[in-house]
Amino acid sequence: MKEYKANRQRLDDPQFHREKAEIFDTVQNLSGLVYIRHPEFECDDVIGHIATELHPKDDVVIVSTDSDFIQLISDRVRLWHPKKKKFLDPWHVDYITWKSLKGDPTDNVPGVVGVGPKRADVLCKSEDLLKEFLGSDPERRRQFETARTVIQLKNVTSKGLQISQADLCVDGLYEEFSHRSFRSIIGKAWPKWCAQFEKSGEKTWKLNKCSTTTSSNFCESVDSSLSTSTHTLPVI
C-alpha cells in the first residue's frame, strides 16, 4: 500500500537525524539492554510476535503510544501509554475490524468510505449486519480488506530475528548523557536509572558465549528460551 504512512513528513534536518542515531547507538551499546529486530518486518510486528508467540503463557507489558498494539490487549498482555501514564483498556469491539472499517488517518490508511467511529461501532456489534454491509458492495469489501492488511500485525518468523546485547557501562552512559545535557536523567534520579538498567539487563536471557549480535541461525535455539522466559524484554 503506497499511501501507508505517506503523510508523515520527514524532518529536513541532517543534524537532528545524526544526533538521534548517535543517541540510539549510545543506549544500545552501553545500556546492557536486549535489542531485537527483524530485517523484513516493522518493530510493532516484532513486538507482537514476542508478546503472543514467544510468551504465550506469560504476563506481558508493552510500553508504547502506538494504538495498533490495542489489538494485542488480553488477560495477560497489557498496554501502557507513557504519555497518558496509564494502562489502556481493551477495546469495546474487535479492534482490527473496527479500525479497518474506520481507517487510520495517523498512518494515512483509508477505511471504508462513509464509515466513521460510530458506524464502525454499530457494524462491529452485529456479525450479520457487518456481513451484509461488506457483502453488498465489492468496493466496500476491497477497501476493508486493504485496510485490514495494513492494520493487522504481521506473522513474524523467529528464524529471522536478530538479537544483540552489550555490557552495561554506567560510566559511559553518564558521560554521554552529560555531554548531551540530559539533566533530568543524570540528576537526582540517576541512581534509579542505573538500577533499572541493571535490573532489565539481568532479567534477559543469556546469549550463550555471544555478548554482541547473534546470527539468525542462533535465533532458532533462542526461540525456546524466549517462549519459557518470564523476563521483561526491552525491545527497540
Protein backbone atom coordinates (compact mmCIF):
# COMPACT_ATOMS: atom_id res chain seq x y z
CA MET A 1 0.00 0.00 0.00
CA LYS A 2 1.92 3.04 -1.30
CA GLU A 3 -0.10 5.54 0.76
CA TYR A 4 0.79 3.84 4.07
CA LYS A 5 2.47 6.44 6.31
CA ALA A 6 2.99 8.66 3.25
CA ASN A 7 1.51 11.59 5.17
CA ARG A 8 4.38 11.58 7.66
CA GLN A 9 6.77 14.39 6.80
CA ARG A 10 10.46 13.66 7.27
CA LEU A 11 12.23 16.41 9.18
CA ASP A 12 14.74 18.00 6.81
CA ASP A 13 17.46 18.41 9.40
CA PRO A 14 20.57 16.24 8.89
CA GLN A 15 21.97 17.19 12.30
CA PHE A 16 18.80 16.06 14.07
CA HIS A 17 18.87 12.65 12.40
CA ARG A 18 22.60 12.29 13.08
CA GLU A 19 22.16 13.08 16.77
CA LYS A 20 19.18 10.74 17.01
CA ALA A 21 21.26 7.92 15.55
CA GLU A 22 24.13 8.70 17.94
CA ILE A 23 21.82 8.63 20.98
CA PHE A 24 20.34 5.32 19.84
CA ASP A 25 23.82 3.85 19.39
CA THR A 26 24.84 5.10 22.85
CA VAL A 27 21.93 3.40 24.58
CA GLN A 28 22.23 0.23 22.53
CA ASN A 29 25.97 -0.15 23.11
CA LEU A 30 26.17 0.89 26.76
CA SER A 31 22.83 0.11 28.46
CA GLY A 32 23.09 -3.67 28.70
CA LEU A 33 19.55 -3.98 27.34
CA VAL A 34 18.45 -6.56 24.79
CA TYR A 35 17.62 -5.34 21.29
CA ILE A 36 15.60 -7.44 18.88
CA ARG A 37 14.91 -6.63 15.25
CA HIS A 38 13.91 -8.37 12.05
CA PRO A 39 15.18 -7.15 8.66
CA GLU A 40 11.86 -7.89 6.94
CA PHE A 41 9.31 -6.63 9.49
CA GLU A 42 8.48 -3.45 11.36
CA CYS A 43 9.11 -3.07 15.06
CA ASP A 44 5.43 -3.38 16.03
CA ASP A 45 5.20 -6.71 14.19
CA VAL A 46 8.25 -7.99 16.08
CA ILE A 47 6.85 -6.87 19.43
CA GLY A 48 3.53 -8.52 18.63
CA HIS A 49 5.34 -11.76 17.76
CA ILE A 50 7.30 -11.74 21.02
CA ALA A 51 4.22 -10.97 23.11
CA THR A 52 1.89 -13.53 21.56
CA GLU A 53 4.02 -16.29 20.04
CA LEU A 54 7.15 -16.41 22.22
CA HIS A 55 5.41 -15.61 25.50
CA PRO A 56 2.02 -17.32 25.11
CA LYS A 57 1.68 -18.03 28.84
CA ASP A 58 3.50 -15.06 30.37
CA ASP A 59 2.25 -11.68 31.54
CA VAL A 60 3.46 -9.06 29.07
CA VAL A 61 3.54 -5.26 29.30
CA ILE A 62 4.04 -3.23 26.11
CA VAL A 63 5.01 0.42 26.55
CA SER A 64 4.01 2.47 23.52
CA THR A 65 1.82 5.26 22.21
CA ASP A 66 1.09 3.24 19.04
CA SER A 67 -2.61 2.44 19.00
CA ASP A 68 -2.04 -0.61 16.78
CA PHE A 69 -0.97 -2.50 19.91
CA ILE A 70 -4.53 -2.27 21.24
CA GLN A 71 -5.27 -5.36 19.13
CA LEU A 72 -2.93 -7.35 21.40
CA ILE A 73 -4.57 -6.43 24.72
CA SER A 74 -5.79 -9.53 26.54
CA ASP A 75 -5.94 -11.06 30.00
CA ARG A 76 -2.13 -11.33 30.01
CA VAL A 77 -0.99 -8.64 27.55
CA ARG A 78 -1.33 -5.06 28.77
CA LEU A 79 -0.54 -1.79 27.01
CA TRP A 80 0.97 1.10 28.98
CA HIS A 81 0.62 4.54 27.36
CA PRO A 82 3.67 6.58 28.51
CA LYS A 83 2.10 9.96 27.69
CA LYS A 84 -1.25 9.24 29.33
CA LYS A 85 0.61 7.39 32.12
CA LYS A 86 -1.94 4.62 32.35
CA PHE A 87 -2.81 1.17 31.05
CA LEU A 88 -5.27 1.25 28.18
CA ASP A 89 -8.49 -0.72 28.46
CA PRO A 90 -9.40 -3.48 25.99
CA TRP A 91 -11.36 -2.15 23.01
CA HIS A 92 -15.13 -2.44 23.31
CA VAL A 93 -15.38 -4.30 19.97
CA ASP A 94 -12.91 -6.22 17.79
CA TYR A 95 -10.22 -3.59 17.28
CA ILE A 96 -8.84 -4.81 13.95
CA THR A 97 -12.29 -4.92 12.36
CA TRP A 98 -13.25 -1.54 13.85
CA LYS A 99 -10.11 0.20 12.67
CA SER A 100 -10.27 -1.44 9.24
CA LEU A 101 -13.75 -0.01 8.80
CA LYS A 102 -12.90 3.46 10.12
CA GLY A 103 -9.36 3.73 8.78
CA ASP A 104 -6.32 5.25 10.44
CA PRO A 105 -5.60 8.89 9.46
CA THR A 106 -2.39 8.84 11.53
CA ASP A 107 -0.80 6.34 9.16
CA ASN A 108 -2.74 7.53 6.10
CA VAL A 109 -4.78 4.31 5.92
CA PRO A 110 -8.23 4.94 4.43
CA GLY A 111 -11.02 2.73 5.69
CA VAL A 112 -14.40 2.18 4.10
CA VAL A 113 -15.82 5.33 2.56
CA GLY A 114 -18.60 6.80 4.68
CA VAL A 115 -17.75 4.86 7.85
CA GLY A 116 -16.81 6.82 10.97
CA PRO A 117 -16.25 5.68 14.56
CA LYS A 118 -19.94 5.45 15.46
CA ARG A 119 -20.96 3.49 12.39
CA ALA A 120 -17.99 1.21 12.87
CA ASP A 121 -19.22 0.56 16.43
CA VAL A 122 -22.65 -0.48 15.15
CA LEU A 123 -21.27 -2.74 12.43
CA CYS A 124 -18.79 -4.45 14.77
CA LYS A 125 -21.52 -5.25 17.29
CA SER A 126 -23.55 -7.24 14.76
CA GLU A 127 -21.90 -10.01 12.74
CA ASP A 128 -24.91 -10.26 10.43
CA LEU A 129 -25.03 -6.51 9.82
CA LEU A 130 -21.29 -6.42 9.08
CA LYS A 131 -21.55 -9.35 6.69
CA GLU A 132 -24.44 -7.71 4.85
CA PHE A 133 -22.67 -4.33 4.74
CA LEU A 134 -19.47 -5.70 3.21
CA GLY A 135 -21.13 -8.30 1.03
CA SER A 136 -23.47 -5.88 -0.72
CA ASP A 137 -20.70 -3.85 -2.30
CA PRO A 138 -17.44 -5.32 -3.70
CA GLU A 139 -15.71 -1.94 -3.39
CA ARG A 140 -16.53 -1.76 0.30
CA ARG A 141 -15.08 -5.24 0.76
CA ARG A 142 -11.93 -4.23 -1.13
CA GLN A 143 -11.47 -1.09 0.97
CA PHE A 144 -11.99 -3.06 4.16
CA GLU A 145 -9.57 -5.87 3.26
CA THR A 146 -6.91 -3.40 2.09
CA ALA A 147 -7.03 -1.53 5.40
CA ARG A 148 -7.10 -4.77 7.37
CA THR A 149 -3.92 -5.99 5.65
CA VAL A 150 -2.07 -2.90 6.86
CA ILE A 151 -3.58 -2.62 10.34
CA GLN A 152 -3.32 -6.24 11.47
CA LEU A 153 0.13 -7.09 12.80
CA LYS A 154 2.08 -9.45 10.57
CA ASN A 155 3.15 -13.01 11.33
CA VAL A 156 6.87 -12.90 12.04
CA THR A 157 9.22 -15.86 11.77
CA SER A 158 11.53 -16.39 14.75
CA LYS A 159 14.30 -17.64 12.48
CA GLY A 160 14.95 -14.15 11.14
CA LEU A 161 15.12 -12.36 14.49
CA GLN A 162 18.39 -10.54 15.14
CA ILE A 163 19.25 -10.23 18.82
CA SER A 164 22.01 -8.19 20.43
CA GLN A 165 23.03 -7.25 23.94
CA ALA A 166 26.06 -5.23 25.04
CA ASP A 167 27.53 -5.00 28.54
CA LEU A 168 26.19 -2.35 30.91
CA CYS A 169 28.60 0.58 31.16
CA VAL A 170 27.27 3.07 33.72
CA ASP A 171 30.26 5.41 33.48
CA GLY A 172 29.96 5.51 29.69
CA LEU A 173 26.25 6.27 29.85
CA TYR A 174 26.80 9.04 32.38
CA GLU A 175 29.49 10.61 30.22
CA GLU A 176 27.36 10.51 27.08
CA PHE A 177 24.22 11.80 28.84
CA SER A 178 26.24 14.61 30.45
CA HIS A 179 27.67 15.56 27.08
CA ARG A 180 24.11 15.88 25.73
CA SER A 181 22.84 17.73 28.83
CA PHE A 182 20.26 15.11 29.78
CA ARG A 183 19.91 16.77 33.17
CA SER A 184 16.63 15.12 34.12
CA ILE A 185 18.35 11.72 33.82
CA ILE A 186 21.76 12.39 35.36
CA GLY A 187 20.45 14.43 38.28
CA LYS A 188 18.96 13.05 41.47
CA ALA A 189 17.20 10.30 39.52
CA TRP A 190 20.46 8.88 38.12
CA PRO A 191 20.81 6.08 40.74
CA LYS A 192 17.29 4.89 39.88
CA TRP A 193 18.14 4.88 36.19
CA CYS A 194 21.28 2.83 36.87
CA ALA A 195 19.32 0.37 38.98
CA GLN A 196 16.70 -0.02 36.26
CA PHE A 197 19.30 -0.59 33.53
CA GLU A 198 20.96 -3.24 35.69
CA LYS A 199 17.65 -4.87 36.60
CA SER A 200 16.46 -5.01 33.00
CA GLY A 201 19.75 -6.45 31.80
CA GLU A 202 19.74 -9.16 34.45
CA LYS A 203 16.20 -10.15 33.55
CA THR A 204 17.06 -11.07 29.98
CA TRP A 205 18.30 -14.47 28.82
CA LYS A 206 21.99 -15.20 28.40
CA LEU A 207 23.25 -15.05 24.86
CA ASN A 208 25.46 -18.10 25.47
CA LYS A 209 29.01 -17.02 24.55
CA CYS A 210 27.97 -14.15 22.32
CA SER A 211 27.67 -10.77 24.04
CA THR A 212 27.02 -8.62 20.98
CA THR A 213 24.95 -9.53 17.93
CA THR A 214 23.70 -13.00 17.17
CA SER A 215 23.12 -14.64 13.83
CA SER A 216 19.71 -15.60 12.50
CA ASN A 217 20.64 -19.26 12.96
CA PHE A 218 21.14 -18.71 16.67
CA CYS A 219 17.59 -17.42 16.90
CA GLU A 220 16.33 -20.95 16.27
CA SER A 221 17.87 -22.09 19.54
CA VAL A 222 16.93 -18.93 21.43
CA ASP A 223 13.29 -19.38 20.46
CA SER A 224 12.72 -21.94 23.20
CA SER A 225 14.40 -19.69 25.76
CA LEU A 226 12.14 -16.81 24.85
CA SER A 227 9.00 -18.90 24.98
CA THR A 228 9.65 -20.09 28.54
CA SER A 229 11.05 -16.85 29.92
CA THR A 230 9.07 -14.68 32.32
CA HIS A 231 11.51 -11.80 31.90
CA THR A 232 10.94 -8.29 30.71
CA LEU A 233 12.32 -7.79 27.22
CA PRO A 234 13.31 -4.22 26.32
CA VAL A 235 12.86 -4.09 22.55
CA ILE A 236 13.71 -1.26 20.17
